[in-house]
PDB file of N, CA and C in Angstrom:
ATOM      1  N   UNK A   1      -1.728  -4.482  10.589  1.00  0.00           N
ATOM      2  CA  UNK A   1      -1.465  -4.202   9.321  1.00  0.00           C
ATOM      3  C   UNK A   1      -2.805  -3.298   8.959  1.00  0.00           C
ATOM      4  N   UNK A   2      -2.654  -2.202   8.234  1.00  0.00           N
ATOM      5  CA  UNK A   2      -3.619  -1.427   7.821  1.00  0.00           C
ATOM      6  C   UNK A   2      -3.553  -1.066   6.351  1.00  0.00           C
ATOM      7  N   UNK A   3      -4.833  -1.279   5.701  1.00  0.00           N
ATOM      8  CA  UNK A   3      -4.945  -1.096   4.156  1.00  0.00           C
ATOM      9  C   UNK A   3      -5.821  -0.222   3.930  1.00  0.00           C
ATOM     10  N   UNK A   4      -5.193   1.017   3.299  1.00  0.00           N
ATOM     11  CA  UNK A   4      -6.078   2.086   3.042  1.00  0.00           C
ATOM     12  C   UNK A   4      -6.014   2.437   1.449  1.00  0.00           C
ATOM     13  N   UNK A   5      -7.158   2.691   0.961  1.00  0.00           N
ATOM     14  CA  UNK A   5      -7.440   3.142  -0.505  1.00  0.00           C
ATOM     15  C   UNK A   5      -8.075   4.757  -0.530  1.00  0.00           C
ATOM     16  N   UNK A   6      -7.255   5.367  -1.209  1.00  0.00           N
ATOM     17  CA  UNK A   6      -7.545   6.980  -1.662  1.00  0.00           C
ATOM     18  C   UNK A   6      -7.876   6.887  -2.915  1.00  0.00           C
ATOM     19  N   UNK A   7      -9.537   7.140  -3.022  1.00  0.00           N
ATOM     20  CA  UNK A   7      -9.850   7.206  -4.607  1.00  0.00           C
ATOM     21  C   UNK A   7      -9.610   8.548  -5.234  1.00  0.00           C
ATOM     22  N   UNK A   8      -9.450   9.704  -4.322  1.00  0.00           N
ATOM     23  CA  UNK A   8      -9.123  10.862  -4.894  1.00  0.00           C
ATOM     24  C   UNK A   8      -7.678  10.803  -5.696  1.00  0.00           C
ATOM     25  N   UNK A   9      -6.873   9.741  -5.176  1.00  0.00           N
ATOM     26  CA  UNK A   9      -5.390   9.775  -5.953  1.00  0.00           C
ATOM     27  C   UNK A   9      -5.150   8.384  -6.581  1.00  0.00           C
ATOM     28  N   UNK A  10      -6.424   7.537  -6.445  1.00  0.00           N
ATOM     29  CA  UNK A  10      -6.468   6.163  -6.936  1.00  0.00           C
ATOM     30  C   UNK A  10      -4.980   5.429  -6.363  1.00  0.00           C
ATOM     31  N   UNK A  11      -4.930   5.689  -5.199  1.00  0.00           N
ATOM     32  CA  UNK A  11      -3.710   4.901  -4.560  1.00  0.00           C
ATOM     33  C   UNK A  11      -4.059   3.865  -3.598  1.00  0.00           C
ATOM     34  N   UNK A  12      -3.387   2.669  -3.375  1.00  0.00           N
ATOM     35  CA  UNK A  12      -3.775   1.823  -2.411  1.00  0.00           C
ATOM     36  C   UNK A  12      -2.453   1.501  -1.646  1.00  0.00           C
ATOM     37  N   UNK A  13      -2.493   1.590  -0.422  1.00  0.00           N
ATOM     38  CA  UNK A  13      -1.427   1.395   0.765  1.00  0.00           C
ATOM     39  C   UNK A  13      -1.581   0.365   1.666  1.00  0.00           C
ATOM     40  N   UNK A  14      -0.475  -0.491   1.801  1.00  0.00           N
ATOM     41  CA  UNK A  14      -0.705  -1.665   2.652  1.00  0.00           C
ATOM     42  C   UNK A  14       0.270  -1.189   3.606  1.00  0.00           C
ATOM     43  N   UNK A  15       0.082  -0.970   4.947  1.00  0.00           N
ATOM     44  CA  UNK A  15       1.046  -0.506   5.970  1.00  0.00           C
ATOM     45  C   UNK A  15       1.004  -1.628   6.891  1.00  0.00           C
ATOM     46  N   UNK A  16       2.318  -2.098   6.944  1.00  0.00           N
ATOM     47  CA  UNK A  16       2.605  -3.581   7.873  1.00  0.00           C
ATOM     48  C   UNK A  16       3.014  -3.067   9.025  1.00  0.00           C
ATOM     49  N   UNK A  17       3.688  -2.123   9.196  1.00  0.00           N
ATOM     50  CA  UNK A  17       3.979  -1.559  10.516  1.00  0.00           C
ATOM     51  C   UNK A  17       3.417  -0.238  11.187  1.00  0.00           C
ATOM     52  N   UNK A  18       2.724  -0.034  12.035  1.00  0.00           N
ATOM     53  CA  UNK A  18       2.142   0.815  12.469  1.00  0.00           C
ATOM     54  C   UNK A  18       2.923   2.229  12.755  1.00  0.00           C
ATOM     55  N   UNK A  19       4.008   1.832  13.732  1.00  0.00           N
ATOM     56  CA  UNK A  19       4.991   2.960  14.141  1.00  0.00           C
ATOM     57  C   UNK A  19       5.287   3.858  13.231  1.00  0.00           C
ATOM     58  N   UNK A  20       5.600   5.010  13.385  1.00  0.00           N
ATOM     59  CA  UNK A  20       6.399   5.921  12.356  1.00  0.00           C
ATOM     60  C   UNK A  20       7.851   5.497  12.244  1.00  0.00           C
ATOM     61  N   UNK A  21       8.374   5.241  11.231  1.00  0.00           N
ATOM     62  CA  UNK A  21      10.093   5.071  11.137  1.00  0.00           C
ATOM     63  C   UNK A  21      10.312   5.592  10.065  1.00  0.00           C
ATOM     64  N   UNK A  22      11.752   6.035   9.924  1.00  0.00           N
ATOM     65  CA  UNK A  22      12.293   6.729   8.744  1.00  0.00           C
ATOM     66  C   UNK A  22      12.492   5.420   7.806  1.00  0.00           C
ATOM     67  N   UNK A  23      12.024   5.753   6.582  1.00  0.00           N
ATOM     68  CA  UNK A  23      11.951   4.707   5.479  1.00  0.00           C
ATOM     69  C   UNK A  23      12.806   5.015   4.224  1.00  0.00           C
ATOM     70  N   UNK A  24      13.287   3.994   3.459  1.00  0.00           N
ATOM     71  CA  UNK A  24      13.991   4.206   2.288  1.00  0.00           C
ATOM     72  C   UNK A  24      13.054   3.726   1.231  1.00  0.00           C
ATOM     73  N   UNK A  25      12.622   4.479   0.264  1.00  0.00           N
ATOM     74  CA  UNK A  25      11.655   4.127  -0.798  1.00  0.00           C
ATOM     75  C   UNK A  25      12.498   3.419  -1.945  1.00  0.00           C
ATOM     76  N   UNK A  26      11.937   2.206  -2.332  1.00  0.00           N
ATOM     77  CA  UNK A  26      12.176   1.674  -3.403  1.00  0.00           C
ATOM     78  C   UNK A  26      11.253   1.518  -4.432  1.00  0.00           C
ATOM     79  N   UNK A  27      11.336   2.048  -5.544  1.00  0.00           N
ATOM     80  CA  UNK A  27      10.346   1.821  -6.688  1.00  0.00           C
ATOM     81  C   UNK A  27      10.577   0.765  -7.471  1.00  0.00           C
ATOM     82  N   UNK A  28       9.538  -0.153  -7.223  1.00  0.00           N
ATOM     83  CA  UNK A  28       9.703  -1.546  -8.224  1.00  0.00           C
ATOM     84  C   UNK A  28       9.437  -1.254  -9.367  1.00  0.00           C
ATOM     85  N   UNK A  29       8.459  -0.331 -10.114  1.00  0.00           N
ATOM     86  CA  UNK A  29       8.169   0.037 -11.207  1.00  0.00           C
ATOM     87  C   UNK A  29       7.324   1.413 -11.094  1.00  0.00           C
ATOM     88  N   UNK A  30       6.828   2.058 -12.088  1.00  0.00           N
ATOM     89  CA  UNK A  30       5.831   3.124 -12.179  1.00  0.00           C
ATOM     90  C   UNK A  30       4.848   3.261 -11.184  1.00  0.00           C
ATOM     91  N   UNK A  31       4.485   2.039 -10.728  1.00  0.00           N
ATOM     92  CA  UNK A  31       3.058   1.796  -9.987  1.00  0.00           C
ATOM     93  C   UNK A  31       3.382   1.458  -8.632  1.00  0.00           C
ATOM     94  N   UNK A  32       4.476   0.623  -8.372  1.00  0.00           N
ATOM     95  CA  UNK A  32       4.480   0.054  -6.767  1.00  0.00           C
ATOM     96  C   UNK A  32       5.735   0.710  -6.404  1.00  0.00           C
ATOM     97  N   UNK A  33       5.741   0.804  -5.241  1.00  0.00           N
ATOM     98  CA  UNK A  33       6.873   1.380  -4.252  1.00  0.00           C
ATOM     99  C   UNK A  33       6.835   0.695  -2.951  1.00  0.00           C
ATOM    100  N   UNK A  34       7.855   0.272  -2.440  1.00  0.00           N
ATOM    101  CA  UNK A  34       7.976  -0.398  -1.229  1.00  0.00           C
ATOM    102  C   UNK A  34       8.807   0.503  -0.126  1.00  0.00           C
ATOM    103  N   UNK A  35       8.270   0.687   0.852  1.00  0.00           N
ATOM    104  CA  UNK A  35       8.815   1.510   2.001  1.00  0.00           C
ATOM    105  C   UNK A  35       9.896   0.484   2.892  1.00  0.00           C
ATOM    106  N   UNK A  36      11.132   0.708   3.144  1.00  0.00           N
ATOM    107  CA  UNK A  36      11.996  -0.242   3.749  1.00  0.00           C
ATOM    108  C   UNK A  36      12.570   0.584   4.990  1.00  0.00           C
ATOM    109  N   UNK A  37      12.386  -0.027   5.972  1.00  0.00           N
ATOM    110  CA  UNK A  37      12.478   0.664   7.417  1.00  0.00           C
ATOM    111  C   UNK A  37      13.949  -0.047   7.905  1.00  0.00           C
ATOM    112  N   UNK A  38      14.138   0.333   9.493  1.00  0.00           N
ATOM    113  CA  UNK A  38      15.501  -0.098  10.115  1.00  0.00           C
ATOM    114  C   UNK A  38      15.311  -1.609  10.075  1.00  0.00           C
ATOM    115  N   UNK A  39      16.494  -2.285   9.803  1.00  0.00           N
ATOM    116  CA  UNK A  39      16.747  -3.704  10.073  1.00  0.00           C
ATOM    117  C   UNK A  39      16.122  -4.223   8.628  1.00  0.00           C
ATOM    118  N   UNK A  40      15.946  -3.471   7.723  1.00  0.00           N
ATOM    119  CA  UNK A  40      15.315  -3.963   6.388  1.00  0.00           C
ATOM    120  C   UNK A  40      14.073  -4.543   6.370  1.00  0.00           C
ATOM    121  N   UNK A  41      13.328  -3.995   7.327  1.00  0.00           N
ATOM    122  CA  UNK A  41      11.882  -4.732   7.594  1.00  0.00           C
ATOM    123  C   UNK A  41      11.186  -3.928   6.278  1.00  0.00           C
ATOM    124  N   UNK A  42      10.136  -4.409   5.842  1.00  0.00           N
ATOM    125  CA  UNK A  42       9.059  -3.878   4.969  1.00  0.00           C
ATOM    126  C   UNK A  42       7.972  -3.115   5.748  1.00  0.00           C
ATOM    127  N   UNK A  43       8.017  -1.823   5.592  1.00  0.00           N
ATOM    128  CA  UNK A  43       6.841  -1.028   6.520  1.00  0.00           C
ATOM    129  C   UNK A  43       5.863  -0.771   5.760  1.00  0.00           C
ATOM    130  N   UNK A  44       5.875  -0.672   4.235  1.00  0.00           N
ATOM    131  CA  UNK A  44       4.513  -0.312   3.445  1.00  0.00           C
ATOM    132  C   UNK A  44       4.841  -0.612   2.074  1.00  0.00           C
ATOM    133  N   UNK A  45       3.707  -0.763   1.198  1.00  0.00           N
ATOM    134  CA  UNK A  45       3.758  -1.184  -0.082  1.00  0.00           C
ATOM    135  C   UNK A  45       2.821   0.102  -0.770  1.00  0.00           C
ATOM    136  N   UNK A  46       2.922   0.691  -1.482  1.00  0.00           N
ATOM    137  CA  UNK A  46       2.144   1.619  -2.218  1.00  0.00           C
ATOM    138  C   UNK A  46       1.832   1.264  -3.511  1.00  0.00           C
ATOM    139  N   UNK A  47       0.558   1.250  -4.026  1.00  0.00           N
ATOM    140  CA  UNK A  47       0.324   0.830  -5.619  1.00  0.00           C
ATOM    141  C   UNK A  47      -0.399   1.853  -6.058  1.00  0.00           C
ATOM    142  N   UNK A  48       0.202   2.545  -7.170  1.00  0.00           N
ATOM    143  CA  UNK A  48      -0.499   3.852  -7.877  1.00  0.00           C
ATOM    144  C   UNK A  48      -1.428   3.155  -8.945  1.00  0.00           C
ATOM    145  N   UNK A  49      -2.495   3.903  -9.160  1.00  0.00           N
ATOM    146  CA  UNK A  49      -3.339   3.565 -10.250  1.00  0.00           C
ATOM    147  C   UNK A  49      -3.913   2.125 -10.076  1.00  0.00           C
ATOM    148  N   UNK A  50      -4.259   2.141  -8.581  1.00  0.00           N
ATOM    149  CA  UNK A  50      -4.659   0.928  -8.275  1.00  0.00           C
ATOM    150  C   UNK A  50      -5.999   0.150  -8.703  1.00  0.00           C
ATOM    151  N   UNK A  51      -6.753   1.247  -9.111  1.00  0.00           N
ATOM    152  CA  UNK A  51      -7.991   0.916  -9.853  1.00  0.00           C
ATOM    153  C   UNK A  51      -7.778  -0.069 -11.196  1.00  0.00           C
ATOM    154  N   UNK A  52      -6.844   0.312 -11.859  1.00  0.00           N
ATOM    155  CA  UNK A  52      -6.623  -0.187 -13.064  1.00  0.00           C
ATOM    156  C   UNK A  52      -6.142  -1.849 -12.804  1.00  0.00           C
ATOM    157  N   UNK A  53      -5.588  -2.058 -11.668  1.00  0.00           N
ATOM    158  CA  UNK A  53      -5.100  -3.111 -11.367  1.00  0.00           C
ATOM    159  C   UNK A  53      -6.179  -4.512 -10.570  1.00  0.00           C
ATOM    160  N   UNK A  54      -7.210  -3.576  -9.807  1.00  0.00           N
ATOM    161  CA  UNK A  54      -8.147  -4.205  -9.118  1.00  0.00           C
ATOM    162  C   UNK A  54      -9.487  -3.852  -9.696  1.00  0.00           C
ATOM    163  N   UNK A  55     -10.094  -4.303 -10.543  1.00  0.00           N
ATOM    164  CA  UNK A  55     -11.284  -3.951 -11.129  1.00  0.00           C
ATOM    165  C   UNK A  55     -12.464  -3.453 -10.146  1.00  0.00           C
ATOM    166  N   UNK A  56     -13.240  -2.439 -10.077  1.00  0.00           N
ATOM    167  CA  UNK A  56     -14.208  -2.117  -9.238  1.00  0.00           C
ATOM    168  C   UNK A  56     -13.763  -1.598  -7.923  1.00  0.00           C
ATOM    169  N   UNK A  57     -12.468  -1.297  -7.860  1.00  0.00           N
ATOM    170  CA  UNK A  57     -12.033  -0.803  -6.260  1.00  0.00           C
ATOM    171  C   UNK A  57     -12.666   0.361  -6.171  1.00  0.00           C
ATOM    172  N   UNK A  58     -12.626   1.473  -7.225  1.00  0.00           N
ATOM    173  CA  UNK A  58     -13.116   2.739  -7.001  1.00  0.00           C
ATOM    174  C   UNK A  58     -14.597   2.914  -6.555  1.00  0.00           C
ATOM    175  N   UNK A  59     -15.627   1.846  -7.143  1.00  0.00           N
ATOM    176  CA  UNK A  59     -16.858   1.931  -7.009  1.00  0.00           C
ATOM    177  C   UNK A  59     -17.098   1.189  -5.200  1.00  0.00           C
ATOM    178  N   UNK A  60     -16.433   0.091  -5.165  1.00  0.00           N
ATOM    179  CA  UNK A  60     -16.756  -0.671  -4.029  1.00  0.00           C
ATOM    180  C   UNK A  60     -15.829  -0.432  -2.677  1.00  0.00           C
ATOM    181  N   UNK A  61     -14.568   0.219  -2.969  1.00  0.00           N
ATOM    182  CA  UNK A  61     -13.717   0.683  -1.891  1.00  0.00           C
ATOM    183  C   UNK A  61     -12.995  -0.868  -1.923  1.00  0.00           C
ATOM    184  N   UNK A  62     -12.645  -0.912  -0.402  1.00  0.00           N
ATOM    185  CA  UNK A  62     -11.875  -2.389  -0.185  1.00  0.00           C
ATOM    186  C   UNK A  62     -12.302  -2.985   1.206  1.00  0.00           C
ATOM    187  N   UNK A  63     -12.459  -4.145   1.116  1.00  0.00           N
ATOM    188  CA  UNK A  63     -12.943  -5.029   2.307  1.00  0.00           C
ATOM    189  C   UNK A  63     -11.757  -5.898   2.375  1.00  0.00           C
ATOM    190  N   UNK A  64     -11.263  -6.467   3.594  1.00  0.00           N
ATOM    191  CA  UNK A  64     -10.167  -7.236   3.876  1.00  0.00           C
ATOM    192  C   UNK A  64     -10.484  -7.988   5.143  1.00  0.00           C
ATOM    193  N   UNK A  65      -9.636  -9.167   5.417  1.00  0.00           N
ATOM    194  CA  UNK A  65      -9.646  -9.990   6.477  1.00  0.00           C
ATOM    195  C   UNK A  65      -8.519 -10.326   6.781  1.00  0.00           C
ATOM    196  N   UNK A  66      -8.283 -10.475   7.977  1.00  0.00           N
ATOM    197  CA  UNK A  66      -6.919 -11.088   8.272  1.00  0.00           C
ATOM    198  C   UNK A  66      -6.994 -12.623   8.353  1.00  0.00           C
ATOM    199  N   UNK A  67      -6.139 -13.628   7.644  1.00  0.00           N
ATOM    200  CA  UNK A  67      -6.109 -14.843   7.916  1.00  0.00           C
ATOM    201  C   UNK A  67      -5.481 -15.589   9.183  1.00  0.00           C
ATOM    202  N   UNK A  68      -6.130 -16.576   9.286  1.00  0.00           N
ATOM    203  CA  UNK A  68      -5.600 -17.248  10.881  1.00  0.00           C
ATOM    204  C   UNK A  68      -4.349 -17.559  10.642  1.00  0.00           C
TER     205      UNK A  68
END
């Protein structure tokens, strides 16, 4: 899994599958899209205007850890 935040466009991407696959994009609303790959697997989740949803994101960036 990879989490990427791009402050220039204020977008947060959570990439669950590293390999490149052809996806269908499903927009849940104006800010959130889910990429669905082969076998109906969730490949990535993209959140636009992410700093509005996560206070301090632009200033601090992101930090994360995998849970056991």
